[in-house]
Amino acid sequence: MAVSPTQVSSQLIAAGQYGDVASQLDVMELQTTDLDQWPHTLQLLGHMYNGDIEDARFAWKRASDTHKQSSELKAALAVLQQLWNKNYQGVWPALTSFQWSESASPLVLAIATRQRQHAIQLVSCAYSSIQPARLAALTGSTPDEALQSKHA
């Protein structure tokens, strides 16, 4: 019995192997002709987790018009658009304004954590001093949380 792409991605996510989700789904996508139940959202989120924004864009373009009507896939696209435009401050509302499914939530949380770490790294290179409110906006946190991450 063949393992479905949804099962593979769920197992990888449950094991915390977020970086493998997109690559496994890409390989499986090349080996199948039936994309009716394809986990496009997880594939897009997997590419975003890896920082492969162009691959995520192409995964979006490969999705059928029917799949593109999915509210969760549209929400993933909203995150992708913010990353594509390097609007890192806009990533946070896009990540938090949607009620993600149980299968996507851990991956979305991992993306948020990775984006927050990336923002802190960029800020530490670009700023000698920064207001807590500005750091909070860039990292999707409160000013108090931003101060904690600044000193960590």
C-alpha atoms as a PDB file:
ATOM      1  CA  MET A   1       0.000   0.000   0.000  1.00  0.00           C
ATOM      2  CA  ALA A   2       1.461   3.328  -1.073  1.00  0.00           C
ATOM      3  CA  VAL A   3       1.843   6.106   1.455  1.00  0.00           C
ATOM      4  CA  SER A   4      -0.051   9.274   0.553  1.00  0.00           C
ATOM      5  CA  PRO A   5       1.636  12.671   0.353  1.00  0.00           C
ATOM      6  CA  THR A   6      -0.575  13.855   3.202  1.00  0.00           C
ATOM      7  CA  GLN A   7       0.597  10.962   5.399  1.00  0.00           C
ATOM      8  CA  VAL A   8       4.259  11.611   4.549  1.00  0.00           C
ATOM      9  CA  SER A   9       3.997  15.321   5.305  1.00  0.00           C
ATOM     10  CA  SER A  10       2.067  14.654   8.521  1.00  0.00           C
ATOM     11  CA  GLN A  11       4.733  12.207   9.703  1.00  0.00           C
ATOM     12  CA  LEU A  12       7.536  14.661   8.920  1.00  0.00           C
ATOM     13  CA  ILE A  13       5.732  17.502  10.699  1.00  0.00           C
ATOM     14  CA  ALA A  14       4.984  15.315  13.723  1.00  0.00           C
ATOM     15  CA  ALA A  15       8.685  14.418  13.895  1.00  0.00           C
ATOM     16  CA  GLY A  16       9.680  18.081  13.680  1.00  0.00           C
ATOM     17  CA  GLN A  17      11.412  17.521  10.341  1.00  0.00           C
ATOM     18  CA  TYR A  18       9.958  20.689   8.802  1.00  0.00           C
ATOM     19  CA  GLY A  19      12.887  21.156   6.434  1.00  0.00           C
ATOM     20  CA  ASP A  20      12.089  17.855   4.689  1.00  0.00           C
ATOM     21  CA  VAL A  21       8.403  18.497   3.966  1.00  0.00           C
ATOM     22  CA  ALA A  22       8.806  20.434   0.719  1.00  0.00           C
ATOM     23  CA  SER A  23      11.537  18.235  -0.751  1.00  0.00           C
ATOM     24  CA  GLN A  24       9.594  15.031  -0.042  1.00  0.00           C
ATOM     25  CA  LEU A  25       6.421  16.473  -1.530  1.00  0.00           C
ATOM     26  CA  ASP A  26       8.315  17.751  -4.584  1.00  0.00           C
ATOM     27  CA  VAL A  27       9.694  14.262  -5.252  1.00  0.00           C
ATOM     28  CA  MET A  28       6.280  12.670  -4.769  1.00  0.00           C
ATOM     29  CA  GLU A  29       4.651  15.282  -7.018  1.00  0.00           C
ATOM     30  CA  LEU A  30       6.942  14.233  -9.871  1.00  0.00           C
ATOM     31  CA  GLN A  31       5.919  10.604  -9.393  1.00  0.00           C
ATOM     32  CA  THR A  32       2.145  11.028  -9.381  1.00  0.00           C
ATOM     33  CA  THR A  33      -0.558  11.922 -11.833  1.00  0.00           C
ATOM     34  CA  ASP A  34      -3.296  12.309  -9.234  1.00  0.00           C
ATOM     35  CA  LEU A  35      -3.075  15.735  -7.607  1.00  0.00           C
ATOM     36  CA  ASP A  36      -6.719  15.902  -6.485  1.00  0.00           C
ATOM     37  CA  GLN A  37      -5.885  15.404  -2.795  1.00  0.00           C
ATOM     38  CA  TRP A  38      -2.467  17.044  -2.950  1.00  0.00           C
ATOM     39  CA  PRO A  39      -1.383  18.943   0.207  1.00  0.00           C
ATOM     40  CA  HIS A  40      -0.495  22.148  -1.670  1.00  0.00           C
ATOM     41  CA  THR A  41      -0.621  24.252   1.486  1.00  0.00           C
ATOM     42  CA  LEU A  42       1.932  22.068   3.267  1.00  0.00           C
ATOM     43  CA  GLN A  43       4.152  22.090   0.200  1.00  0.00           C
ATOM     44  CA  LEU A  44       4.039  25.905   0.021  1.00  0.00           C
ATOM     45  CA  LEU A  45       4.653  26.259   3.765  1.00  0.00           C
ATOM     46  CA  GLY A  46       7.509  23.754   3.569  1.00  0.00           C
ATOM     47  CA  HIS A  47       9.246  25.832   0.918  1.00  0.00           C
ATOM     48  CA  MET A  48       8.710  28.981   2.977  1.00  0.00           C
ATOM     49  CA  TYR A  49      10.181  27.271   6.044  1.00  0.00           C
ATOM     50  CA  ASN A  50      13.292  26.476   4.001  1.00  0.00           C
ATOM     51  CA  GLY A  51      13.498  30.030   2.691  1.00  0.00           C
ATOM     52  CA  ASP A  52      12.880  28.785  -0.856  1.00  0.00           C
ATOM     53  CA  ILE A  53      10.509  31.584  -1.799  1.00  0.00           C
ATOM     54  CA  GLU A  54      10.827  31.063  -5.553  1.00  0.00           C
ATOM     55  CA  ASP A  55      10.105  27.335  -5.194  1.00  0.00           C
ATOM     56  CA  ALA A  56       7.044  28.232  -3.118  1.00  0.00           C
ATOM     57  CA  ARG A  57       5.880  30.586  -5.871  1.00  0.00           C
ATOM     58  CA  PHE A  58       6.238  27.853  -8.476  1.00  0.00           C
ATOM     59  CA  ALA A  59       4.389  25.396  -6.227  1.00  0.00           C
ATOM     60  CA  TRP A  60       1.559  27.949  -6.029  1.00  0.00           C
ATOM     61  CA  LYS A  61       1.519  28.317  -9.808  1.00  0.00           C
ATOM     62  CA  ARG A  62       1.327  24.532 -10.254  1.00  0.00           C
ATOM     63  CA  ALA A  63      -1.772  24.271  -8.049  1.00  0.00           C
ATOM     64  CA  SER A  64      -5.026  23.891  -9.944  1.00  0.00           C
ATOM     65  CA  ASP A  65      -7.564  26.706  -9.984  1.00  0.00           C
ATOM     66  CA  THR A  66      -9.828  24.529  -7.847  1.00  0.00           C
ATOM     67  CA  HIS A  67      -7.135  24.113  -5.173  1.00  0.00           C
ATOM     68  CA  LYS A  68      -6.349  27.819  -5.295  1.00  0.00           C
ATOM     69  CA  GLN A  69      -9.855  28.462  -3.945  1.00  0.00           C
ATOM     70  CA  SER A  70      -8.950  26.807  -0.631  1.00  0.00           C
ATOM     71  CA  SER A  71      -8.970  29.387   2.160  1.00  0.00           C
ATOM     72  CA  GLU A  72      -5.891  27.835   3.774  1.00  0.00           C
ATOM     73  CA  LEU A  73      -3.944  27.874   0.509  1.00  0.00           C
ATOM     74  CA  LYS A  74      -4.975  31.514   0.036  1.00  0.00           C
ATOM     75  CA  ALA A  75      -3.696  32.259   3.553  1.00  0.00           C
ATOM     76  CA  ALA A  76      -0.385  30.556   2.714  1.00  0.00           C
ATOM     77  CA  LEU A  77      -0.219  32.677  -0.433  1.00  0.00           C
ATOM     78  CA  ALA A  78      -0.700  35.812   1.679  1.00  0.00           C
ATOM     79  CA  VAL A  79       2.342  34.846   3.770  1.00  0.00           C
ATOM     80  CA  LEU A  80       4.299  34.030   0.618  1.00  0.00           C
ATOM     81  CA  GLN A  81       3.480  37.432  -0.888  1.00  0.00           C
ATOM     82  CA  GLN A  82       4.807  39.206   2.191  1.00  0.00           C
ATOM     83  CA  LEU A  83       8.032  37.194   2.076  1.00  0.00           C
ATOM     84  CA  TRP A  84       8.375  37.669  -1.679  1.00  0.00           C
ATOM     85  CA  ASN A  85       8.055  41.439  -1.264  1.00  0.00           C
ATOM     86  CA  LYS A  86      10.438  41.358   1.721  1.00  0.00           C
ATOM     87  CA  ASN A  87       7.730  42.967   3.836  1.00  0.00           C
ATOM     88  CA  TYR A  88       8.821  41.178   6.994  1.00  0.00           C
ATOM     89  CA  GLN A  89       6.562  43.321   9.161  1.00  0.00           C
ATOM     90  CA  GLY A  90       3.596  42.145   7.058  1.00  0.00           C
ATOM     91  CA  VAL A  91       4.475  38.480   7.589  1.00  0.00           C
ATOM     92  CA  TRP A  92       3.118  38.525  11.151  1.00  0.00           C
ATOM     93  CA  PRO A  93      -0.464  39.570  10.373  1.00  0.00           C
ATOM     94  CA  ALA A  94      -0.500  37.098   7.479  1.00  0.00           C
ATOM     95  CA  LEU A  95       0.647  34.269   9.766  1.00  0.00           C
ATOM     96  CA  THR A  96      -1.658  35.079  12.665  1.00  0.00           C
ATOM     97  CA  SER A  97      -4.853  36.263  10.976  1.00  0.00           C
ATOM     98  CA  PHE A  98      -5.851  32.800   9.782  1.00  0.00           C
ATOM     99  CA  GLN A  99      -7.005  29.779  11.781  1.00  0.00           C
ATOM    100  CA  TRP A 100      -4.599  27.173  10.394  1.00  0.00           C
ATOM    101  CA  SER A 101      -5.554  23.502  10.236  1.00  0.00           C
ATOM    102  CA  GLU A 102      -4.184  21.021  12.738  1.00  0.00           C
ATOM    103  CA  SER A 103      -1.802  19.651  10.098  1.00  0.00           C
ATOM    104  CA  ALA A 104      -0.440  23.085   9.089  1.00  0.00           C
ATOM    105  CA  SER A 105      -0.249  24.741  12.535  1.00  0.00           C
ATOM    106  CA  PRO A 106       3.086  23.240  13.663  1.00  0.00           C
ATOM    107  CA  LEU A 107       4.699  24.206  10.370  1.00  0.00           C
ATOM    108  CA  VAL A 108       3.286  27.741  10.578  1.00  0.00           C
ATOM    109  CA  LEU A 109       4.631  28.054  14.124  1.00  0.00           C
ATOM    110  CA  ALA A 110       8.045  26.844  12.924  1.00  0.00           C
ATOM    111  CA  ILE A 111       7.985  29.422  10.112  1.00  0.00           C
ATOM    112  CA  ALA A 112       7.140  32.159  12.632  1.00  0.00           C
ATOM    113  CA  THR A 113       9.994  31.083  14.893  1.00  0.00           C
ATOM    114  CA  ARG A 114      12.441  30.982  12.002  1.00  0.00           C
ATOM    115  CA  GLN A 115      11.268  34.369  10.677  1.00  0.00           C
ATOM    116  CA  ARG A 116      11.587  35.897  14.142  1.00  0.00           C
ATOM    117  CA  GLN A 117      15.166  34.596  14.458  1.00  0.00           C
ATOM    118  CA  HIS A 118      15.965  35.926  10.989  1.00  0.00           C
ATOM    119  CA  ALA A 119      14.530  39.351  11.840  1.00  0.00           C
ATOM    120  CA  ILE A 120      16.532  39.528  15.068  1.00  0.00           C
ATOM    121  CA  GLN A 121      19.695  38.627  13.172  1.00  0.00           C
ATOM    122  CA  LEU A 122      19.016  41.323  10.555  1.00  0.00           C
ATOM    123  CA  VAL A 123      18.262  43.906  13.228  1.00  0.00           C
ATOM    124  CA  SER A 124      21.434  43.069  15.153  1.00  0.00           C
ATOM    125  CA  CYS A 125      23.480  43.657  11.990  1.00  0.00           C
ATOM    126  CA  ALA A 126      21.662  46.794  10.877  1.00  0.00           C
ATOM    127  CA  TYR A 127      20.984  48.696  14.108  1.00  0.00           C
ATOM    128  CA  SER A 128      23.253  49.860  16.884  1.00  0.00           C
ATOM    129  CA  SER A 129      20.115  50.805  18.835  1.00  0.00           C
ATOM    130  CA  ILE A 130      16.417  50.262  18.172  1.00  0.00           C
ATOM    131  CA  GLN A 131      13.193  51.206  19.901  1.00  0.00           C
ATOM    132  CA  PRO A 132      11.368  48.247  21.462  1.00  0.00           C
ATOM    133  CA  ALA A 133       8.201  49.049  19.494  1.00  0.00           C
ATOM    134  CA  ARG A 134      10.107  48.902  16.187  1.00  0.00           C
ATOM    135  CA  LEU A 135      11.798  45.626  17.123  1.00  0.00           C
ATOM    136  CA  ALA A 136       8.423  44.238  18.181  1.00  0.00           C
ATOM    137  CA  ALA A 137       6.907  45.142  14.809  1.00  0.00           C
ATOM    138  CA  LEU A 138       9.763  43.469  12.952  1.00  0.00           C
ATOM    139  CA  THR A 139       9.643  40.298  15.027  1.00  0.00           C
ATOM    140  CA  GLY A 140       5.881  39.940  15.445  1.00  0.00           C
ATOM    141  CA  SER A 141       6.034  40.219  19.199  1.00  0.00           C
ATOM    142  CA  THR A 142       5.145  42.629  21.973  1.00  0.00           C
ATOM    143  CA  PRO A 143       7.648  45.312  23.045  1.00  0.00           C
ATOM    144  CA  ASP A 144       8.339  43.374  26.270  1.00  0.00           C
ATOM    145  CA  GLU A 145       9.014  40.155  24.328  1.00  0.00           C
ATOM    146  CA  ALA A 146      11.204  42.124  21.919  1.00  0.00           C
ATOM    147  CA  LEU A 147      13.293  43.437  24.814  1.00  0.00           C
ATOM    148  CA  GLN A 148      13.737  39.873  26.085  1.00  0.00           C
ATOM    149  CA  SER A 149      14.908  38.653  22.656  1.00  0.00           C
ATOM    150  CA  LYS A 150      17.221  41.661  22.320  1.00  0.00           C
ATOM    151  CA  HIS A 151      19.022  40.679  25.521  1.00  0.00           C
ATOM    152  CA  ALA A 152      19.028  36.939  24.832  1.00  0.00           C
END
